[in-house]
Amino acid sequence: MPSCPSWVDAFLAHRAPLHVYVFDGVSSTVACARGQSIHVTVYLDEQPVGTTEVPCLDSDQRLPPFYRVDGGPVVPGMHELRVDAQTARGLVQGSTLVSLPAFDLPPDGQPAVLGAEIAVGLGPDDLAIGPPQVYPPKGL
């Protein structure tokens, strides 16, 4: 049997740390009670990996703030990512299946670059989970 390409070996051996970026689209809306915060919990395969608090703001920000949740190293494969956000109006949830880690194969023959960076857009009544990326979202 032929040996695996080096990037496959690197993929299987590497445990990329999970980073989830929660982008705030809710803090200046009626779903966020003044003086309170929204508690966000991130789960991977039904296990909590981290939490963050999104403070309620009095006015819109020019650029939406983000809050990073750091999880532990991720075993390569398919995973369920779930995000729960407790707002003043109730629980907002979203989940998706993701293949982690993401990888980038540089064209110059360099080793594969692996990462588990996921952006989540949090709104008043829903949230959107983006695809896994190798690098953090642009502008961070």
Protein backbone atom coordinates (compact mmCIF):
# COMPACT_ATOMS: atom_id res chain seq x y z
CA MET A 1 0.00 0.00 0.00
CA PRO A 2 1.44 3.43 -0.91
CA SER A 3 2.24 5.79 1.94
CA CYS A 4 0.01 8.78 2.68
CA PRO A 5 1.01 12.24 1.45
CA SER A 6 2.71 14.28 4.18
CA TRP A 7 -0.29 16.62 4.55
CA VAL A 8 -2.52 13.63 5.44
CA ASP A 9 -0.09 12.56 8.16
CA ALA A 10 0.00 16.15 9.48
CA PHE A 11 -3.81 16.33 9.42
CA LEU A 12 -4.22 13.13 11.41
CA ALA A 13 -1.50 13.98 13.93
CA HIS A 14 -2.41 17.64 14.53
CA ARG A 15 -4.92 18.72 17.16
CA ALA A 16 -5.84 22.30 16.29
CA PRO A 17 -7.32 24.35 19.14
CA LEU A 18 -10.94 25.43 18.62
CA HIS A 19 -11.57 29.20 18.52
CA VAL A 20 -15.14 30.47 18.12
CA TYR A 21 -15.68 34.18 17.41
CA VAL A 22 -19.13 35.41 18.47
CA PHE A 23 -20.00 38.59 16.55
CA ASP A 24 -22.43 40.80 18.43
CA GLY A 25 -25.55 41.72 16.47
CA VAL A 26 -27.86 41.74 19.47
CA SER A 27 -26.48 43.90 22.28
CA SER A 28 -28.24 47.14 21.26
CA THR A 29 -31.61 45.49 20.46
CA VAL A 30 -34.71 44.74 22.57
CA ALA A 31 -33.41 41.17 22.99
CA CYS A 32 -30.75 42.56 25.30
CA ALA A 33 -31.97 44.10 28.58
CA ARG A 34 -30.13 47.29 29.50
CA GLY A 35 -27.45 46.67 32.14
CA GLN A 36 -27.49 42.91 31.56
CA SER A 37 -25.50 40.57 29.35
CA ILE A 38 -26.15 37.60 27.10
CA HIS A 39 -24.58 34.35 28.22
CA VAL A 40 -23.21 32.33 25.26
CA THR A 41 -22.14 28.69 25.59
CA VAL A 42 -20.34 26.74 22.85
CA TYR A 43 -20.62 22.93 22.69
CA LEU A 44 -18.65 20.46 20.59
CA ASP A 45 -20.21 17.01 20.34
CA GLU A 46 -22.60 17.87 23.21
CA GLN A 47 -19.71 18.78 25.55
CA PRO A 48 -19.37 22.43 26.69
CA VAL A 49 -16.07 23.87 25.48
CA GLY A 50 -16.38 27.48 26.62
CA THR A 51 -18.56 30.46 27.43
CA THR A 52 -18.56 34.21 27.00
CA GLU A 53 -20.69 37.14 28.08
CA VAL A 54 -21.94 39.69 25.53
CA PRO A 55 -22.71 42.95 27.39
CA CYS A 56 -25.85 44.86 26.45
CA LEU A 57 -24.99 48.26 24.97
CA ASP A 58 -26.99 51.49 24.80
CA SER A 59 -26.16 52.21 21.16
CA ASP A 60 -25.03 50.52 17.96
CA GLN A 61 -21.33 50.15 17.38
CA ARG A 62 -19.77 51.14 14.06
CA LEU A 63 -18.19 47.69 13.82
CA PRO A 64 -19.86 44.90 15.75
CA PRO A 65 -17.72 43.75 18.65
CA PHE A 66 -16.75 40.10 18.87
CA TYR A 67 -16.08 37.80 21.77
CA ARG A 68 -13.73 34.82 21.47
CA VAL A 69 -14.43 31.44 23.04
CA ASP A 70 -11.35 29.23 23.30
CA GLY A 71 -11.87 25.48 23.27
CA GLY A 72 -9.35 22.73 23.59
CA PRO A 73 -7.59 20.75 20.86
CA VAL A 74 -9.95 19.12 18.36
CA VAL A 75 -9.57 15.54 17.15
CA PRO A 76 -9.77 15.43 13.33
CA GLY A 77 -13.16 14.38 11.96
CA MET A 78 -16.84 15.37 11.82
CA HIS A 79 -18.20 17.19 14.85
CA GLU A 80 -21.45 18.84 15.90
CA LEU A 81 -20.95 22.46 16.93
CA ARG A 82 -23.81 23.98 18.94
CA VAL A 83 -24.11 27.51 20.26
CA ASP A 84 -26.66 28.58 22.91
CA ALA A 85 -27.30 32.24 23.73
CA GLN A 86 -29.54 33.19 26.64
CA THR A 87 -31.15 36.55 25.74
CA ALA A 88 -33.74 38.61 27.63
CA ARG A 89 -36.40 37.12 25.30
CA GLY A 90 -35.31 33.49 25.66
CA LEU A 91 -32.82 30.93 24.43
CA VAL A 92 -31.41 31.30 20.91
CA GLN A 93 -29.76 28.12 19.60
CA GLY A 94 -27.99 26.97 16.48
CA SER A 95 -26.02 23.89 15.49
CA THR A 96 -24.24 22.47 12.49
CA LEU A 97 -21.96 19.62 11.50
CA VAL A 98 -18.38 20.68 10.80
CA SER A 99 -15.28 18.88 9.62
CA LEU A 100 -12.35 19.93 11.79
CA PRO A 101 -9.67 20.98 11.51
CA ALA A 102 -9.80 23.06 8.35
CA PHE A 103 -6.61 22.96 6.31
CA ASP A 104 -4.73 25.00 3.75
CA LEU A 105 -2.22 23.44 1.37
CA PRO A 106 0.35 26.11 0.47
CA PRO A 107 1.32 26.01 -3.23
CA ASP A 108 5.04 26.17 -2.50
CA GLY A 109 5.32 22.66 -1.02
CA GLN A 110 5.34 23.89 2.57
CA PRO A 111 3.59 21.77 5.21
CA ALA A 112 -0.19 21.98 5.52
CA VAL A 113 -1.58 24.71 7.76
CA LEU A 114 -4.37 23.55 10.07
CA GLY A 115 -6.87 25.52 12.12
CA ALA A 116 -10.28 25.37 13.79
CA GLU A 117 -11.54 28.97 13.61
CA ILE A 118 -15.33 29.47 13.43
CA ALA A 119 -17.30 32.73 13.22
CA VAL A 120 -20.80 32.94 14.71
CA GLY A 121 -23.14 35.85 14.02
CA LEU A 122 -25.47 36.40 16.98
CA GLY A 123 -28.75 38.19 16.26
CA PRO A 124 -31.86 38.97 18.36
CA ASP A 125 -33.75 35.85 17.27
CA ASP A 126 -31.20 33.61 15.57
CA LEU A 127 -27.56 32.91 15.03
CA ALA A 128 -25.49 31.92 12.02
CA ILE A 129 -22.56 29.54 12.30
CA GLY A 130 -19.96 29.99 9.58
CA PRO A 131 -17.81 27.26 8.04
CA PRO A 132 -14.55 26.28 9.74
CA GLN A 133 -11.52 28.26 8.64
CA VAL A 134 -7.77 27.84 8.98
CA TYR A 135 -7.21 31.47 9.94
CA PRO A 136 -9.18 33.83 12.24
CA PRO A 137 -11.87 35.95 10.51
CA LYS A 138 -10.46 38.91 8.58
CA GLY A 139 -10.04 42.14 10.51
CA LEU A 140 -9.32 40.56 13.89
